[in-house]
Protein backbone atom coordinates (compact mmCIF):
# COMPACT_ATOMS: atom_id res chain seq x y z
CA UNK A 1 259.27 104.74 118.28
CA UNK A 2 257.25 107.00 115.70
CA UNK A 3 257.70 106.34 111.91
CA UNK A 4 258.34 110.17 111.71
CA UNK A 5 261.19 110.03 114.18
CA UNK A 6 263.35 107.30 112.34
CA UNK A 7 266.58 107.94 110.92
CA UNK A 8 269.54 105.86 110.08
CA UNK A 9 271.43 106.38 113.57
CA UNK A 10 271.14 103.18 115.61
CA UNK A 11 270.58 100.74 112.79
CA UNK A 12 272.29 97.37 113.23
CA UNK A 13 272.86 94.34 110.83
CA UNK A 14 273.87 96.27 107.69
CA UNK A 15 273.91 94.51 104.51
CA UNK A 16 274.48 96.13 101.03
CA UNK A 17 272.83 94.63 97.96
CA UNK A 18 273.55 95.63 94.22
CA UNK A 19 270.55 95.36 91.96
CA UNK A 20 270.96 92.00 89.84
CA UNK A 21 269.23 91.08 86.81
CA UNK A 22 267.92 87.53 86.46
CA UNK A 23 271.02 86.57 84.44
CA UNK A 24 273.12 87.59 87.40
CA UNK A 25 274.41 90.82 85.50
CA UNK A 26 275.15 93.71 87.85
CA UNK A 27 273.25 96.58 87.06
CA UNK A 28 275.20 100.08 86.81
CA UNK A 29 274.65 102.51 89.50
CA UNK A 30 273.13 105.77 88.17
CA UNK A 31 274.48 108.71 90.02
CA UNK A 32 271.01 110.50 89.29
CA UNK A 33 269.12 108.01 91.23
CA UNK A 34 267.21 109.44 93.68
CA UNK A 35 267.79 107.84 97.37
CA UNK A 36 264.78 107.01 99.31
CA UNK A 37 264.13 105.51 102.97
CA UNK A 38 261.67 102.50 102.91
CA UNK A 39 260.37 101.79 106.29
CA UNK A 40 258.38 98.50 106.58
CA UNK A 41 256.97 96.91 109.44
CA UNK A 42 253.68 94.50 110.11
CA UNK A 43 252.03 93.66 113.51
CA UNK A 44 249.45 91.16 114.81
CA UNK A 45 246.64 91.49 117.60
CA UNK A 46 244.03 89.02 118.83
CA UNK A 47 240.95 90.58 119.54
CA UNK A 48 237.49 89.00 120.59
CA UNK A 49 234.37 89.70 118.33
CA UNK A 50 231.38 90.98 120.07
CA UNK A 51 229.21 87.94 119.47
CA UNK A 52 231.86 85.14 119.72
CA UNK A 53 234.44 83.89 122.34
CA UNK A 54 236.68 83.03 119.45
CA UNK A 55 239.69 85.32 118.96
CA UNK A 56 240.06 86.88 115.69
CA UNK A 57 243.47 87.73 114.62
CA UNK A 58 244.03 91.14 113.14
CA UNK A 59 247.25 91.50 110.92
CA UNK A 60 248.38 94.89 109.67
CA UNK A 61 250.95 95.64 107.49
CA UNK A 62 252.49 99.46 106.72
CA UNK A 63 255.39 100.96 104.88
CA UNK A 64 256.43 104.38 104.44
CA UNK A 65 258.62 105.70 101.38
CA UNK A 66 260.39 108.98 102.20
CA UNK A 67 263.14 110.66 100.32
CA UNK A 68 266.29 111.20 102.46
CA UNK A 69 265.78 115.11 102.61
CA UNK A 70 262.09 114.69 103.97
CA UNK A 71 260.69 116.59 101.09
CA UNK A 72 258.64 113.88 99.44
CA UNK A 73 256.83 111.24 101.40
CA UNK A 74 254.09 108.12 100.71
CA UNK A 75 252.66 105.90 102.86
CA UNK A 76 250.40 102.73 102.80
CA UNK A 77 248.51 100.43 105.37
CA UNK A 78 246.26 97.94 105.42
CA UNK A 79 244.77 94.78 107.40
CA UNK A 80 244.85 91.07 106.32
CA UNK A 81 242.70 88.32 107.50
CA UNK A 82 244.61 85.33 106.37
CA UNK A 83 248.45 86.59 106.17
CA UNK A 84 250.61 86.29 109.33
CA UNK A 85 254.22 85.41 110.36
CA UNK A 86 257.12 86.01 108.07
CA UNK A 87 254.86 86.21 104.98
CA UNK A 88 253.04 89.30 106.70
CA UNK A 89 256.54 91.18 107.36
CA UNK A 90 257.83 90.49 103.75
CA UNK A 91 254.59 92.01 102.16
CA UNK A 92 255.28 95.55 103.12
CA UNK A 93 258.81 95.47 101.75
CA UNK A 94 257.77 93.95 97.94
CA UNK A 95 255.08 96.46 97.95
CA UNK A 96 256.89 99.18 98.84
CA UNK A 97 259.82 98.61 96.44
CA UNK A 98 257.01 97.94 93.64
CA UNK A 99 255.59 101.34 94.41
CA UNK A 100 258.65 103.13 93.36
CA UNK A 101 257.97 104.73 90.10
CA UNK A 102 261.72 105.22 89.04
CA UNK A 103 265.09 103.15 89.47
CA UNK A 104 266.33 104.30 93.03
CA UNK A 105 268.66 103.73 95.71
CA UNK A 106 266.76 102.37 98.61
CA UNK A 107 267.65 102.23 102.45
CA UNK A 108 265.45 99.30 103.53
CA UNK A 109 264.72 99.67 107.26
CA UNK A 110 262.90 96.77 108.82
CA UNK A 111 262.83 94.89 111.96
CA UNK A 112 262.36 91.53 110.51
CA UNK A 113 265.45 89.46 110.52
CA UNK A 114 263.49 86.79 108.08
CA UNK A 115 263.70 89.62 105.53
CA UNK A 116 267.26 90.93 106.02
CA UNK A 117 268.65 87.38 106.50
CA UNK A 118 266.68 86.27 103.24
CA UNK A 119 268.31 89.33 101.35
CA UNK A 120 271.80 89.07 102.78
CA UNK A 121 272.08 85.24 102.75
CA UNK A 122 269.67 83.40 100.37
CA UNK A 123 268.54 85.35 97.72
CA UNK A 124 271.44 84.37 95.45
CA UNK A 125 271.15 80.72 96.00
CA UNK A 126 267.52 80.80 95.44
CA UNK A 127 267.75 82.44 92.05
CA UNK A 128 270.27 79.74 91.29
CA UNK A 129 268.00 76.73 92.27
CA UNK A 130 264.95 78.39 90.58
CA UNK A 131 263.20 79.19 94.13
CA UNK A 132 263.20 75.91 95.34
CA UNK A 133 265.02 73.88 98.33
CA UNK A 134 265.78 70.15 98.76
CA UNK A 135 263.74 68.24 101.50
CA UNK A 136 264.40 64.78 101.95
CA UNK A 137 265.64 64.30 98.27
CA UNK A 138 262.83 66.08 96.67
CA UNK A 139 263.03 69.73 95.39
CA UNK A 140 260.23 71.90 97.05
CA UNK A 141 259.25 75.39 96.35
CA UNK A 142 260.52 77.79 99.14
CA UNK A 143 258.32 79.14 101.61
CA UNK A 144 256.63 82.75 100.24
CA UNK A 145 258.69 81.98 97.00
CA UNK A 146 256.16 84.32 94.80
CA UNK A 147 256.82 87.44 97.09
CA UNK A 148 260.65 86.35 96.99
CA UNK A 149 260.60 86.40 93.34
CA UNK A 150 258.50 89.78 93.28
CA UNK A 151 261.28 91.05 95.14
CA UNK A 152 264.19 89.97 93.14
CA UNK A 153 262.37 91.36 90.12
CA UNK A 154 262.73 95.02 91.77
CA UNK A 155 266.43 94.38 92.21
CA UNK A 156 266.59 94.92 88.50
CA UNK A 157 265.87 98.31 88.90
CA UNK A 158 266.85 99.37 92.39
CA UNK A 159 269.82 99.59 94.23
CA UNK A 160 268.79 98.18 97.93
CA UNK A 161 270.80 98.80 101.38
CA UNK A 162 269.18 96.56 103.96
CA UNK A 163 269.44 97.66 107.86
CA UNK A 164 267.92 96.10 110.76
CA UNK A 165 266.26 98.26 113.31
CA UNK A 166 264.15 97.38 116.16
CA UNK A 167 261.17 99.98 115.83
CA UNK A 168 260.32 99.96 119.34
CA UNK A 169 261.55 99.55 122.87
CA UNK A 170 260.83 96.90 125.34
CA UNK A 171 259.21 99.27 127.86
CA UNK A 172 256.86 99.91 125.36
CA UNK A 173 255.36 96.58 125.82
CA UNK A 174 255.51 96.76 129.68
CA UNK A 175 258.64 95.16 130.06
CA UNK A 176 261.65 96.57 131.42
CA UNK A 177 265.31 95.32 131.00
CA UNK A 178 265.90 94.85 134.90
CA UNK A 179 262.88 92.68 134.71
CA UNK A 180 264.87 90.15 132.19
CA UNK A 181 267.78 90.29 134.55
CA UNK A 182 265.26 89.16 137.50
CA UNK A 183 264.11 86.43 135.47
CA UNK A 184 267.50 85.19 134.94
CA UNK A 185 268.37 85.15 138.59
CA UNK A 186 265.46 83.65 139.64
CA UNK A 187 265.86 80.00 141.32
CA UNK A 188 263.21 77.70 142.38
CA UNK A 189 262.66 76.41 146.26
CA UNK A 190 263.78 72.85 144.99
CA UNK A 191 266.89 74.23 143.93
CA UNK A 192 267.78 76.39 146.76
CA UNK A 193 266.69 73.15 148.97
CA UNK A 194 269.14 70.78 147.18
CA UNK A 195 272.22 73.61 147.70
CA UNK A 196 271.46 73.60 151.39
CA UNK A 197 271.51 77.27 151.92
CA UNK A 198 269.48 80.20 151.32
CA UNK A 199 271.26 82.59 149.15
CA UNK A 200 269.09 85.66 150.26
CA UNK A 201 270.03 84.77 154.19
CA UNK A 202 273.65 84.53 153.09
CA UNK A 203 273.56 87.94 151.33
CA UNK A 204 271.85 89.22 154.54
CA UNK A 205 274.26 87.67 156.81
CA UNK A 206 277.06 89.37 154.98
CA UNK A 207 275.78 92.61 155.18
CA UNK A 208 275.48 91.94 158.99
CA UNK A 209 278.92 90.78 159.45
CA UNK A 210 280.44 93.81 157.37
CA UNK A 211 278.36 96.10 159.32
């Protein structure tokens, strides 16, 4: 799905986050706040260099900020050489929120469950524990604590509504839904032999007997 085609229809995993200060006070929502959509996504691709057989991981992030009426739009994208995984998914969200020059009502749309679950379930607890968690009796910094703290800081100014959305379809990667079903039904020769019957032959016998 193209970014330009995205809308709020079909989104799932909705959670609502009111802006909070570092002291826990809830910020007052201003009626005059502009409402914007923030699309954030990232991807990685392994490529081979011309002079080497060692694959090089190309990591790209992208965010698009667009007013709900489509009158204004801002887009940013770049490549990263040393950032992958969840950190790569979190980066465009942080930069997208930091790019807003005025307190706004933001509908964040991302395919990353790491981001949405962190916002919905973990952010308040991390704030209380000073961005640490207990590991074998020792308090350790949470993963990507620097980015989560920056994101939390933006919530002092912005009211964020988070929606999870898969921005592409399995067919776009050459995999169809029937293919998944065939994999689940497939059995090995050992399983068929252990059962003592061939399910395909049984199915054909039933077809012949019912004819």
